[in-house]
Amino acid sequence: MKVVATNKKAYHDFEILDKYEAGLVLTGSEVKAIRAGRVNLKDSFVRFVKGEPFLFGMHISHLDSANPYFKPDEKRPRKLLLHKKEINKLLGKSSEKGYTVVPLKLYFNRRNLAKVEIALAKGKTLHDKRESLKRKILDREARAALKDYR
């Protein structure tokens, strides 16, 4: 599994509840750009349009080596491919207050198919963000102390 892009901001802003693997509907030049690492997941999110999941806000830059006359929109909505049960589960949960669906990482699986890991998440409050940051710093200091102890 080759991870191309991660959404670190999602881990900071949201509490991750469930993770799912979804396929993407892409054009050929977009796949080439993803392989080159020209993708950004930072402000992207999943929204359901007529019962189908779409990924909004994912930016895939155009490659100079691709066809210059065919430039797909860099921030266009991209359809996600999921099983019907997963779609229904995510649609039901995300319609509740406080829950959302966010992408976590974009990668190529063993069969060289572009996949995105999406997660059902609940928004963190400012207090929760500060607490998780403190916990992260304490864990880092504990690991450093153990390393020096050895």
N, C-alpha and C. Protein backbone atom coordinates (compact mmCIF):
# COMPACT_ATOMS: atom_id res chain seq x y z
N MET A 1 0.84 -1.18 0.00
CA MET A 1 0.00 0.00 0.00
C MET A 1 0.89 1.24 0.00
N LYS A 2 0.73 2.09 -1.02
CA LYS A 2 1.53 3.30 -1.14
C LYS A 2 0.66 4.51 -0.81
N VAL A 3 0.90 5.10 0.34
CA VAL A 3 0.12 6.28 0.77
C VAL A 3 0.64 7.49 0.02
N VAL A 4 -0.29 8.21 -0.63
CA VAL A 4 0.08 9.37 -1.43
C VAL A 4 -0.14 10.66 -0.64
N ALA A 5 -1.30 10.77 0.03
CA ALA A 5 -1.63 12.00 0.76
C ALA A 5 -2.39 11.65 2.03
N THR A 6 -2.16 12.43 3.07
CA THR A 6 -2.90 12.26 4.32
C THR A 6 -3.53 13.58 4.71
N ASN A 7 -4.59 13.49 5.52
CA ASN A 7 -5.30 14.66 5.99
C ASN A 7 -5.06 14.79 7.49
N LYS A 8 -3.94 15.41 7.85
CA LYS A 8 -3.58 15.55 9.26
C LYS A 8 -4.54 16.46 10.00
N LYS A 9 -5.11 17.41 9.29
CA LYS A 9 -6.04 18.35 9.92
C LYS A 9 -7.30 17.65 10.42
N ALA A 10 -7.69 16.57 9.76
CA ALA A 10 -8.88 15.82 10.17
C ALA A 10 -8.67 15.19 11.54
N TYR A 11 -7.48 14.69 11.80
CA TYR A 11 -7.19 14.09 13.10
C TYR A 11 -7.19 15.15 14.21
N HIS A 12 -6.84 16.37 13.85
CA HIS A 12 -6.82 17.45 14.84
C HIS A 12 -8.23 17.99 15.12
N ASP A 13 -9.04 18.12 14.07
CA ASP A 13 -10.35 18.75 14.20
C ASP A 13 -11.48 17.79 14.56
N PHE A 14 -11.29 16.48 14.33
CA PHE A 14 -12.37 15.53 14.52
C PHE A 14 -11.92 14.34 15.37
N GLU A 15 -12.90 13.73 16.02
CA GLU A 15 -12.71 12.47 16.71
C GLU A 15 -13.17 11.37 15.75
N ILE A 16 -12.27 10.47 15.37
CA ILE A 16 -12.56 9.45 14.37
C ILE A 16 -13.31 8.29 15.02
N LEU A 17 -14.48 7.92 14.44
CA LEU A 17 -15.30 6.84 14.99
C LEU A 17 -15.18 5.55 14.18
N ASP A 18 -15.48 5.60 12.89
CA ASP A 18 -15.40 4.43 12.00
C ASP A 18 -14.62 4.80 10.75
N LYS A 19 -13.89 3.81 10.21
CA LYS A 19 -13.13 4.03 8.98
C LYS A 19 -13.65 3.10 7.88
N TYR A 20 -13.66 3.61 6.65
CA TYR A 20 -14.11 2.85 5.49
C TYR A 20 -13.14 3.09 4.34
N GLU A 21 -13.03 2.09 3.46
CA GLU A 21 -12.22 2.22 2.25
C GLU A 21 -13.16 2.42 1.07
N ALA A 22 -12.89 3.45 0.27
CA ALA A 22 -13.75 3.75 -0.87
C ALA A 22 -12.91 3.94 -2.13
N GLY A 23 -13.47 3.54 -3.26
CA GLY A 23 -12.83 3.78 -4.54
C GLY A 23 -13.20 5.16 -5.04
N LEU A 24 -12.49 5.64 -6.04
CA LEU A 24 -12.72 6.96 -6.62
C LEU A 24 -12.96 6.85 -8.11
N VAL A 25 -13.82 7.70 -8.65
CA VAL A 25 -14.02 7.79 -10.08
C VAL A 25 -13.12 8.92 -10.57
N LEU A 26 -12.07 8.57 -11.33
CA LEU A 26 -11.06 9.53 -11.77
C LEU A 26 -10.84 9.43 -13.27
N THR A 27 -10.25 10.48 -13.84
CA THR A 27 -9.81 10.42 -15.23
C THR A 27 -8.36 9.98 -15.25
N GLY A 28 -7.84 9.64 -16.43
CA GLY A 28 -6.49 9.12 -16.54
C GLY A 28 -5.42 10.12 -16.12
N SER A 29 -5.59 11.39 -16.49
CA SER A 29 -4.59 12.39 -16.12
C SER A 29 -4.60 12.65 -14.62
N GLU A 30 -5.76 12.48 -13.99
CA GLU A 30 -5.82 12.65 -12.53
C GLU A 30 -5.06 11.53 -11.82
N VAL A 31 -5.15 10.32 -12.34
CA VAL A 31 -4.42 9.19 -11.75
C VAL A 31 -2.92 9.44 -11.87
N LYS A 32 -2.48 9.94 -13.01
CA LYS A 32 -1.06 10.25 -13.19
C LYS A 32 -0.61 11.33 -12.21
N ALA A 33 -1.44 12.34 -12.01
CA ALA A 33 -1.10 13.41 -11.08
C ALA A 33 -1.05 12.89 -9.64
N ILE A 34 -1.95 11.98 -9.29
CA ILE A 34 -1.94 11.40 -7.95
C ILE A 34 -0.67 10.58 -7.75
N ARG A 35 -0.27 9.81 -8.76
CA ARG A 35 0.97 9.02 -8.67
C ARG A 35 2.18 9.94 -8.46
N ALA A 36 2.11 11.14 -9.06
CA ALA A 36 3.20 12.11 -8.91
C ALA A 36 3.12 12.84 -7.57
N GLY A 37 2.05 12.62 -6.81
CA GLY A 37 1.91 13.23 -5.50
C GLY A 37 1.36 14.64 -5.52
N ARG A 38 0.69 15.01 -6.59
CA ARG A 38 0.17 16.37 -6.72
C ARG A 38 -1.29 16.43 -6.30
N VAL A 39 -1.53 16.09 -5.04
CA VAL A 39 -2.88 16.02 -4.50
C VAL A 39 -2.88 16.61 -3.10
N ASN A 40 -4.01 17.24 -2.73
CA ASN A 40 -4.15 17.84 -1.41
C ASN A 40 -5.53 17.50 -0.86
N LEU A 41 -5.57 16.92 0.34
CA LEU A 41 -6.82 16.54 1.00
C LEU A 41 -7.22 17.48 2.12
N LYS A 42 -6.50 18.56 2.32
CA LYS A 42 -6.62 19.36 3.54
C LYS A 42 -8.04 19.83 3.85
N ASP A 43 -8.73 20.45 2.95
CA ASP A 43 -10.06 21.00 3.23
C ASP A 43 -11.17 20.20 2.56
N SER A 44 -10.95 18.93 2.34
CA SER A 44 -11.95 18.13 1.63
C SER A 44 -12.94 17.49 2.60
N PHE A 45 -14.10 17.15 2.08
CA PHE A 45 -15.17 16.54 2.88
C PHE A 45 -16.05 15.71 1.97
N VAL A 46 -16.87 14.85 2.57
CA VAL A 46 -17.78 13.99 1.82
C VAL A 46 -19.20 14.49 2.04
N ARG A 47 -19.94 14.62 0.96
CA ARG A 47 -21.34 15.03 1.03
C ARG A 47 -22.15 14.05 0.16
N PHE A 48 -23.37 13.80 0.60
CA PHE A 48 -24.25 12.88 -0.13
C PHE A 48 -25.18 13.69 -1.03
N VAL A 49 -25.16 13.37 -2.34
CA VAL A 49 -26.01 14.02 -3.33
C VAL A 49 -26.90 12.96 -3.93
N LYS A 50 -28.19 13.06 -3.67
CA LYS A 50 -29.19 12.09 -4.15
C LYS A 50 -28.83 10.66 -3.72
N GLY A 51 -28.34 10.53 -2.49
CA GLY A 51 -28.03 9.22 -1.94
C GLY A 51 -26.69 8.64 -2.37
N GLU A 52 -25.87 9.40 -3.11
CA GLU A 52 -24.57 8.93 -3.56
C GLU A 52 -23.48 9.80 -2.93
N PRO A 53 -22.40 9.17 -2.44
CA PRO A 53 -21.34 9.97 -1.81
C PRO A 53 -20.40 10.60 -2.83
N PHE A 54 -20.09 11.87 -2.60
CA PHE A 54 -19.15 12.61 -3.44
C PHE A 54 -18.10 13.25 -2.55
N LEU A 55 -16.87 13.31 -3.04
CA LEU A 55 -15.77 13.93 -2.32
C LEU A 55 -15.58 15.34 -2.88
N PHE A 56 -15.77 16.34 -2.03
CA PHE A 56 -15.65 17.73 -2.42
C PHE A 56 -14.36 18.31 -1.85
N GLY A 57 -13.75 19.23 -2.59
CA GLY A 57 -12.60 19.98 -2.08
C GLY A 57 -11.25 19.33 -2.22
N MET A 58 -11.17 18.13 -2.78
CA MET A 58 -9.87 17.49 -2.99
C MET A 58 -9.23 18.13 -4.22
N HIS A 59 -8.02 18.64 -4.06
CA HIS A 59 -7.34 19.34 -5.14
C HIS A 59 -6.31 18.42 -5.79
N ILE A 60 -6.49 18.18 -7.09
CA ILE A 60 -5.52 17.40 -7.87
C ILE A 60 -4.97 18.32 -8.96
N SER A 61 -3.70 18.65 -8.86
CA SER A 61 -3.07 19.57 -9.82
C SER A 61 -2.89 18.89 -11.18
N HIS A 62 -2.88 19.72 -12.23
CA HIS A 62 -2.69 19.21 -13.59
C HIS A 62 -1.20 19.01 -13.84
N LEU A 63 -0.85 17.88 -14.47
CA LEU A 63 0.54 17.60 -14.82
C LEU A 63 0.91 18.30 -16.13
N ASP A 64 2.16 18.75 -16.22
CA ASP A 64 2.63 19.38 -17.45
C ASP A 64 2.78 18.35 -18.57
N SER A 65 3.04 17.09 -18.20
CA SER A 65 3.24 16.05 -19.21
C SER A 65 1.92 15.50 -19.74
N ALA A 66 0.79 15.84 -19.12
CA ALA A 66 -0.51 15.37 -19.59
C ALA A 66 -1.00 16.24 -20.75
N ASN A 67 -2.07 15.81 -21.38
CA ASN A 67 -2.62 16.53 -22.53
C ASN A 67 -2.99 17.96 -22.14
N PRO A 68 -2.40 18.98 -22.79
CA PRO A 68 -2.69 20.36 -22.41
C PRO A 68 -4.09 20.83 -22.81
N TYR A 69 -4.73 20.13 -23.75
CA TYR A 69 -6.05 20.56 -24.21
C TYR A 69 -7.18 19.99 -23.37
N PHE A 70 -6.88 18.96 -22.60
CA PHE A 70 -7.88 18.37 -21.72
C PHE A 70 -7.44 18.58 -20.28
N LYS A 71 -7.96 19.62 -19.65
CA LYS A 71 -7.64 19.89 -18.26
C LYS A 71 -8.91 19.77 -17.44
N PRO A 72 -9.06 18.67 -16.70
CA PRO A 72 -10.24 18.59 -15.83
C PRO A 72 -10.14 19.60 -14.70
N ASP A 73 -11.29 19.99 -14.17
CA ASP A 73 -11.34 20.92 -13.05
C ASP A 73 -10.60 20.32 -11.87
N GLU A 74 -9.70 21.09 -11.28
CA GLU A 74 -8.84 20.56 -10.23
C GLU A 74 -9.58 20.28 -8.93
N LYS A 75 -10.68 20.99 -8.68
CA LYS A 75 -11.42 20.80 -7.43
C LYS A 75 -12.82 20.25 -7.67
N ARG A 76 -13.03 19.57 -8.78
CA ARG A 76 -14.37 19.06 -9.08
C ARG A 76 -14.79 17.99 -8.08
N PRO A 77 -16.10 17.82 -7.86
CA PRO A 77 -16.56 16.73 -6.97
C PRO A 77 -16.28 15.37 -7.61
N ARG A 78 -15.76 14.45 -6.82
CA ARG A 78 -15.44 13.11 -7.32
C ARG A 78 -16.30 12.08 -6.62
N LYS A 79 -16.90 11.21 -7.41
CA LYS A 79 -17.81 10.21 -6.86
C LYS A 79 -17.02 9.13 -6.13
N LEU A 80 -17.55 8.70 -4.99
CA LEU A 80 -16.94 7.63 -4.22
C LEU A 80 -17.69 6.33 -4.48
N LEU A 81 -16.96 5.24 -4.51
CA LEU A 81 -17.54 3.92 -4.76
C LEU A 81 -17.53 3.13 -3.46
N LEU A 82 -18.71 2.86 -2.93
CA LEU A 82 -18.89 2.11 -1.69
C LEU A 82 -19.99 1.08 -1.87
N HIS A 83 -20.05 0.11 -0.96
CA HIS A 83 -21.15 -0.84 -0.96
C HIS A 83 -22.41 -0.14 -0.46
N LYS A 84 -23.56 -0.64 -0.88
CA LYS A 84 -24.84 -0.02 -0.53
C LYS A 84 -25.05 0.04 0.98
N LYS A 85 -24.67 -1.02 1.70
CA LYS A 85 -24.83 -1.04 3.16
C LYS A 85 -23.98 0.05 3.81
N GLU A 86 -22.76 0.23 3.31
CA GLU A 86 -21.88 1.27 3.86
C GLU A 86 -22.44 2.66 3.58
N ILE A 87 -22.99 2.86 2.37
CA ILE A 87 -23.58 4.15 2.02
C ILE A 87 -24.75 4.46 2.94
N ASN A 88 -25.62 3.47 3.15
CA ASN A 88 -26.79 3.69 4.01
C ASN A 88 -26.37 3.99 5.45
N LYS A 89 -25.36 3.28 5.94
CA LYS A 89 -24.88 3.49 7.30
C LYS A 89 -24.29 4.89 7.46
N LEU A 90 -23.45 5.29 6.51
CA LEU A 90 -22.84 6.61 6.57
C LEU A 90 -23.87 7.72 6.41
N LEU A 91 -24.82 7.51 5.52
CA LEU A 91 -25.86 8.52 5.28
C LEU A 91 -26.71 8.71 6.53
N GLY A 92 -27.06 7.62 7.19
CA GLY A 92 -27.86 7.71 8.41
C GLY A 92 -27.12 8.39 9.54
N LYS A 93 -25.87 8.03 9.73
CA LYS A 93 -25.09 8.62 10.83
C LYS A 93 -24.72 10.08 10.56
N SER A 94 -24.36 10.40 9.31
CA SER A 94 -23.93 11.77 9.01
C SER A 94 -25.08 12.76 9.03
N SER A 95 -26.31 12.27 8.95
CA SER A 95 -27.45 13.18 9.02
C SER A 95 -27.74 13.60 10.47
N GLU A 96 -27.18 12.87 11.44
CA GLU A 96 -27.33 13.26 12.84
C GLU A 96 -26.46 14.49 13.11
N LYS A 97 -26.86 15.26 14.12
CA LYS A 97 -26.14 16.48 14.43
C LYS A 97 -24.77 16.18 15.02
N GLY A 98 -23.75 16.88 14.52
CA GLY A 98 -22.40 16.73 15.04
C GLY A 98 -21.55 15.72 14.32
N TYR A 99 -22.12 14.88 13.46
CA TYR A 99 -21.36 13.87 12.74
C TYR A 99 -21.11 14.31 11.31
N THR A 100 -19.95 13.94 10.79
CA THR A 100 -19.61 14.24 9.41
C THR A 100 -18.73 13.12 8.87
N VAL A 101 -18.51 13.14 7.56
CA VAL A 101 -17.65 12.15 6.91
C VAL A 101 -16.49 12.91 6.28
N VAL A 102 -15.26 12.53 6.65
CA VAL A 102 -14.06 13.20 6.14
C VAL A 102 -13.09 12.18 5.57
N PRO A 103 -12.31 12.56 4.55
CA PRO A 103 -11.27 11.67 4.05
C PRO A 103 -10.03 11.76 4.93
N LEU A 104 -9.38 10.63 5.15
CA LEU A 104 -8.19 10.60 5.99
C LEU A 104 -6.91 10.46 5.17
N LYS A 105 -6.92 9.52 4.22
CA LYS A 105 -5.72 9.36 3.38
C LYS A 105 -6.10 8.82 2.02
N LEU A 106 -5.23 9.08 1.06
CA LEU A 106 -5.38 8.63 -0.32
C LEU A 106 -4.19 7.74 -0.62
N TYR A 107 -4.46 6.56 -1.18
CA TYR A 107 -3.38 5.60 -1.41
C TYR A 107 -3.72 4.70 -2.59
N PHE A 108 -2.69 3.96 -3.05
CA PHE A 108 -2.86 2.94 -4.07
C PHE A 108 -2.76 1.58 -3.37
N ASN A 109 -3.73 0.70 -3.64
CA ASN A 109 -3.69 -0.61 -3.00
C ASN A 109 -2.77 -1.54 -3.81
N ARG A 110 -2.77 -2.80 -3.46
CA ARG A 110 -1.86 -3.76 -4.11
C ARG A 110 -2.15 -3.95 -5.59
N ARG A 111 -3.40 -3.74 -5.99
CA ARG A 111 -3.75 -3.90 -7.42
C ARG A 111 -3.64 -2.58 -8.16
N ASN A 112 -2.95 -1.59 -7.57
CA ASN A 112 -2.73 -0.27 -8.17
C ASN A 112 -4.01 0.47 -8.47
N LEU A 113 -4.98 0.35 -7.58
CA LEU A 113 -6.22 1.12 -7.68
C LEU A 113 -6.18 2.24 -6.65
N ALA A 114 -6.58 3.43 -7.06
CA ALA A 114 -6.60 4.57 -6.14
C ALA A 114 -7.76 4.40 -5.17
N LYS A 115 -7.47 4.44 -3.90
CA LYS A 115 -8.48 4.30 -2.85
C LYS A 115 -8.34 5.48 -1.89
N VAL A 116 -9.45 5.83 -1.26
CA VAL A 116 -9.44 6.86 -0.24
C VAL A 116 -10.03 6.27 1.03
N GLU A 117 -9.39 6.52 2.16
CA GLU A 117 -9.91 6.07 3.44
C GLU A 117 -10.75 7.20 4.01
N ILE A 118 -12.04 6.94 4.18
CA ILE A 118 -12.93 7.95 4.75
C ILE A 118 -13.33 7.51 6.15
N ALA A 119 -13.75 8.47 6.94
CA ALA A 119 -14.09 8.16 8.32
C ALA A 119 -15.33 8.92 8.75
N LEU A 120 -16.13 8.25 9.54
CA LEU A 120 -17.24 8.91 10.22
C LEU A 120 -16.63 9.59 11.43
N ALA A 121 -16.84 10.89 11.55
CA ALA A 121 -16.15 11.64 12.59
C ALA A 121 -17.11 12.58 13.31
N LYS A 122 -16.73 12.91 14.53
CA LYS A 122 -17.49 13.86 15.34
C LYS A 122 -16.57 15.03 15.64
N GLY A 123 -17.06 16.24 15.46
CA GLY A 123 -16.25 17.43 15.67
C GLY A 123 -15.78 17.59 17.10
N LYS A 124 -14.54 18.04 17.26
CA LYS A 124 -13.99 18.30 18.59
C LYS A 124 -14.25 19.75 18.96
N THR A 125 -14.41 19.98 20.25
CA THR A 125 -14.50 21.34 20.74
C THR A 125 -13.09 21.85 21.01
N LEU A 126 -12.97 23.14 21.30
CA LEU A 126 -11.67 23.73 21.56
C LEU A 126 -11.01 23.08 22.77
N HIS A 127 -11.81 22.75 23.77
CA HIS A 127 -11.28 22.10 24.97
C HIS A 127 -10.71 20.73 24.63
N ASP A 128 -11.41 19.97 23.80
CA ASP A 128 -10.92 18.64 23.40
C ASP A 128 -9.62 18.74 22.61
N LYS A 129 -9.51 19.75 21.75
CA LYS A 129 -8.29 19.92 20.95
C LYS A 129 -7.10 20.20 21.86
N ARG A 130 -7.32 21.05 22.86
CA ARG A 130 -6.23 21.38 23.79
C ARG A 130 -5.82 20.14 24.59
N GLU A 131 -6.81 19.37 25.02
CA GLU A 131 -6.53 18.17 25.80
C GLU A 131 -5.75 17.15 24.98
N SER A 132 -6.13 16.95 23.73
CA SER A 132 -5.41 15.97 22.89
C SER A 132 -3.99 16.45 22.61
N LEU A 133 -3.81 17.77 22.47
CA LEU A 133 -2.46 18.31 22.25
C LEU A 133 -1.59 18.09 23.49
N LYS A 134 -2.15 18.30 24.68
CA LYS A 134 -1.40 18.06 25.92
C LYS A 134 -1.02 16.59 26.04
N ARG A 135 -1.97 15.69 25.72
CA ARG A 135 -1.71 14.26 25.80
C ARG A 135 -0.60 13.86 24.83
N LYS A 136 -0.61 14.46 23.65
CA LYS A 136 0.41 14.16 22.64
C LYS A 136 1.80 14.59 23.12
N ILE A 137 1.88 15.76 23.74
CA ILE A 137 3.16 16.26 24.24
C ILE A 137 3.65 15.39 25.39
N LEU A 138 2.75 14.99 26.30
CA LEU A 138 3.15 14.13 27.41
C LEU A 138 3.63 12.77 26.93
N ASP A 139 2.98 12.20 25.93
CA ASP A 139 3.41 10.92 25.36
C ASP A 139 4.80 11.04 24.74
N ARG A 140 5.03 12.13 24.04
CA ARG A 140 6.34 12.34 23.41
C ARG A 140 7.44 12.46 24.47
N GLU A 141 7.15 13.19 25.54
CA GLU A 141 8.14 13.34 26.62
C GLU A 141 8.39 11.99 27.32
N ALA A 142 7.34 11.20 27.51
CA ALA A 142 7.50 9.89 28.14
C ALA A 142 8.35 8.96 27.28
N ARG A 143 8.13 8.97 25.97
CA ARG A 143 8.94 8.15 25.07
C ARG A 143 10.41 8.58 25.11
N ALA A 144 10.65 9.91 25.16
CA ALA A 144 12.03 10.41 25.22
C ALA A 144 12.68 10.00 26.53
N ALA A 145 11.94 10.04 27.62
CA ALA A 145 12.48 9.66 28.93
C ALA A 145 12.82 8.17 28.94
N LEU A 146 11.97 7.34 28.38
CA LEU A 146 12.25 5.92 28.30
C LEU A 146 13.46 5.62 27.43
N LYS A 147 13.60 6.38 26.37
CA LYS A 147 14.74 6.18 25.47
C LYS A 147 16.05 6.53 26.20
N ASP A 148 16.04 7.63 26.98
CA ASP A 148 17.22 8.01 27.73
C ASP A 148 17.51 7.03 28.88
N TYR A 149 16.46 6.45 29.42
CA TYR A 149 16.61 5.51 30.53
C TYR A 149 17.33 4.24 30.11
N ARG A 150 17.06 3.80 28.90
CA ARG A 150 17.68 2.58 28.37
C ARG A 150 19.12 2.85 28.12
